[in-house]
Amino acid sequence: MMNLITVLLQAAAPAAPAGTPAAGGQGAFWIMIIAMFAIMWLFMIRPQRKQQKEMEAFRNALQKGDKVITTGGIYGTVDEVKDRYVVLKVDGETKLRVDKGSIVKDPNQGPQA
């Protein structure tokens, strides 16, 4: 299949006189590579970084009394906030110490897009 496409493209290309370099070979290749990386950055990397910054800001703004969910699906209320971890009150007087990185969202917020 690839050979057929290659043959058809070569047949459709105008023949260049002998001794002249092929036009657009390397330049078009580099333009396509740069365009591909630009599109990938625009649609994949940029939104992911924005989401990470929002999540980091959410975790840094945690205060006592905030309701949160962990990555493991545990619902709780923040009882104590430290630099690296948070103490959650989950049921009555049951408390869990969890890493700040495991807190994913506030259940009062709607579904995230």
Protein backbone atom coordinates (compact mmCIF):
# COMPACT_ATOMS: atom_id res chain seq x y z
CA MET A 1 0.00 0.00 0.00
CA MET A 2 2.79 2.39 0.91
CA ASN A 3 4.62 1.62 -2.33
CA LEU A 4 1.51 2.42 -4.37
CA ILE A 5 1.11 5.79 -2.65
CA THR A 6 4.78 6.57 -3.16
CA VAL A 7 4.62 5.69 -6.85
CA LEU A 8 1.50 7.83 -7.35
CA LEU A 9 3.04 10.82 -5.57
CA GLN A 10 6.25 10.56 -7.57
CA ALA A 11 4.32 10.32 -10.83
CA ALA A 12 2.23 13.38 -9.97
CA ALA A 13 5.27 15.50 -9.03
CA PRO A 14 6.67 17.64 -11.86
CA ALA A 15 10.07 16.52 -13.06
CA ALA A 16 12.91 18.90 -12.21
CA PRO A 17 15.74 19.53 -14.66
CA ALA A 18 18.95 17.66 -13.97
CA GLY A 19 21.29 19.38 -11.53
CA THR A 20 18.64 21.40 -9.65
CA PRO A 21 17.98 20.49 -6.03
CA ALA A 22 14.53 19.25 -5.02
CA ALA A 23 12.48 22.17 -3.72
CA GLY A 24 10.91 22.00 -0.27
CA GLY A 25 12.36 18.69 0.86
CA GLN A 26 14.09 19.53 4.13
CA GLY A 27 12.28 22.81 4.77
CA ALA A 28 8.82 21.26 4.55
CA PHE A 29 9.91 18.43 6.84
CA TRP A 30 11.06 20.81 9.58
CA ILE A 31 7.97 22.97 9.23
CA MET A 32 5.76 19.90 9.72
CA ILE A 33 7.76 18.74 12.76
CA ILE A 34 7.56 22.20 14.37
CA ALA A 35 3.83 22.45 13.58
CA MET A 36 3.23 19.02 15.11
CA PHE A 37 4.98 19.99 18.37
CA ALA A 38 3.13 23.32 18.48
CA ILE A 39 -0.23 21.60 18.09
CA MET A 40 0.68 18.97 20.69
CA TRP A 41 1.71 21.70 23.16
CA LEU A 42 -1.43 23.71 22.49
CA PHE A 43 -3.91 20.85 22.90
CA MET A 44 -2.18 18.53 25.38
CA ILE A 45 0.59 20.01 27.47
CA ARG A 46 -0.80 23.50 28.10
CA PRO A 47 -4.21 22.36 29.48
CA GLN A 48 -2.53 19.72 31.64
CA ARG A 49 -0.19 22.32 33.19
CA LYS A 50 -3.14 24.62 33.85
CA GLN A 51 -5.00 21.80 35.61
CA GLN A 52 -1.92 20.95 37.71
CA LYS A 53 -1.56 24.58 38.81
CA GLU A 54 -5.23 24.74 39.77
CA MET A 55 -4.92 21.53 41.78
CA GLU A 56 -1.78 22.80 43.54
CA ALA A 57 -3.53 26.07 44.40
CA PHE A 58 -6.51 24.10 45.77
CA ARG A 59 -4.24 21.95 47.95
CA ASN A 60 -2.29 24.96 49.24
CA ALA A 61 -5.53 26.78 50.14
CA LEU A 62 -6.89 23.94 52.30
CA GLN A 63 -8.17 25.05 55.70
CA LYS A 64 -9.68 23.38 58.73
CA GLY A 65 -13.30 22.48 58.05
CA ASP A 66 -12.97 22.06 54.26
CA LYS A 67 -14.68 18.97 52.85
CA VAL A 68 -12.45 16.95 50.51
CA ILE A 69 -12.11 13.65 48.67
CA THR A 70 -8.90 11.62 48.45
CA THR A 71 -7.68 9.72 45.40
CA GLY A 72 -8.77 6.55 47.19
CA GLY A 73 -12.35 7.81 47.36
CA ILE A 74 -12.40 8.69 51.06
CA TYR A 75 -14.66 11.63 51.92
CA GLY A 76 -13.57 13.67 54.90
CA THR A 77 -13.32 17.04 56.59
CA VAL A 78 -9.94 18.71 57.09
CA ASP A 79 -9.07 18.77 60.79
CA GLU A 80 -5.42 19.85 60.60
CA VAL A 81 -3.16 21.11 57.78
CA LYS A 82 0.62 20.68 57.73
CA ASP A 83 3.21 21.28 55.01
CA ARG A 84 3.17 17.77 53.55
CA TYR A 85 0.07 16.13 54.98
CA VAL A 86 -3.50 16.76 56.11
CA VAL A 87 -5.41 15.16 58.97
CA LEU A 88 -8.94 14.25 57.88
CA LYS A 89 -11.88 13.55 60.14
CA VAL A 90 -13.78 10.81 58.33
CA ASP A 91 -16.42 9.40 60.70
CA GLY A 92 -17.18 10.78 64.13
CA GLU A 93 -13.79 11.02 65.82
CA THR A 94 -11.95 8.79 63.33
CA LYS A 95 -8.98 10.67 61.89
CA LEU A 96 -6.66 9.80 59.01
CA ARG A 97 -3.37 11.41 58.08
CA VAL A 98 -3.06 11.64 54.30
CA ASP A 99 -0.53 13.21 51.95
CA LYS A 100 -1.64 16.51 50.42
CA GLY A 101 -1.01 15.03 46.97
CA SER A 102 -3.79 12.49 47.52
CA ILE A 103 -6.47 15.17 47.90
CA VAL A 104 -8.15 15.56 44.54
CA LYS A 105 -11.20 17.81 44.82
CA ASP A 106 -13.85 19.47 46.88
CA PRO A 107 -17.16 17.54 46.78
CA ASN A 108 -19.09 20.85 46.89
CA GLN A 109 -17.70 21.73 43.45
CA GLY A 110 -19.67 20.36 40.54
CA PRO A 111 -18.27 17.76 38.18
CA GLN A 112 -15.00 18.86 36.67
CA ALA A 113 -14.78 19.22 32.92
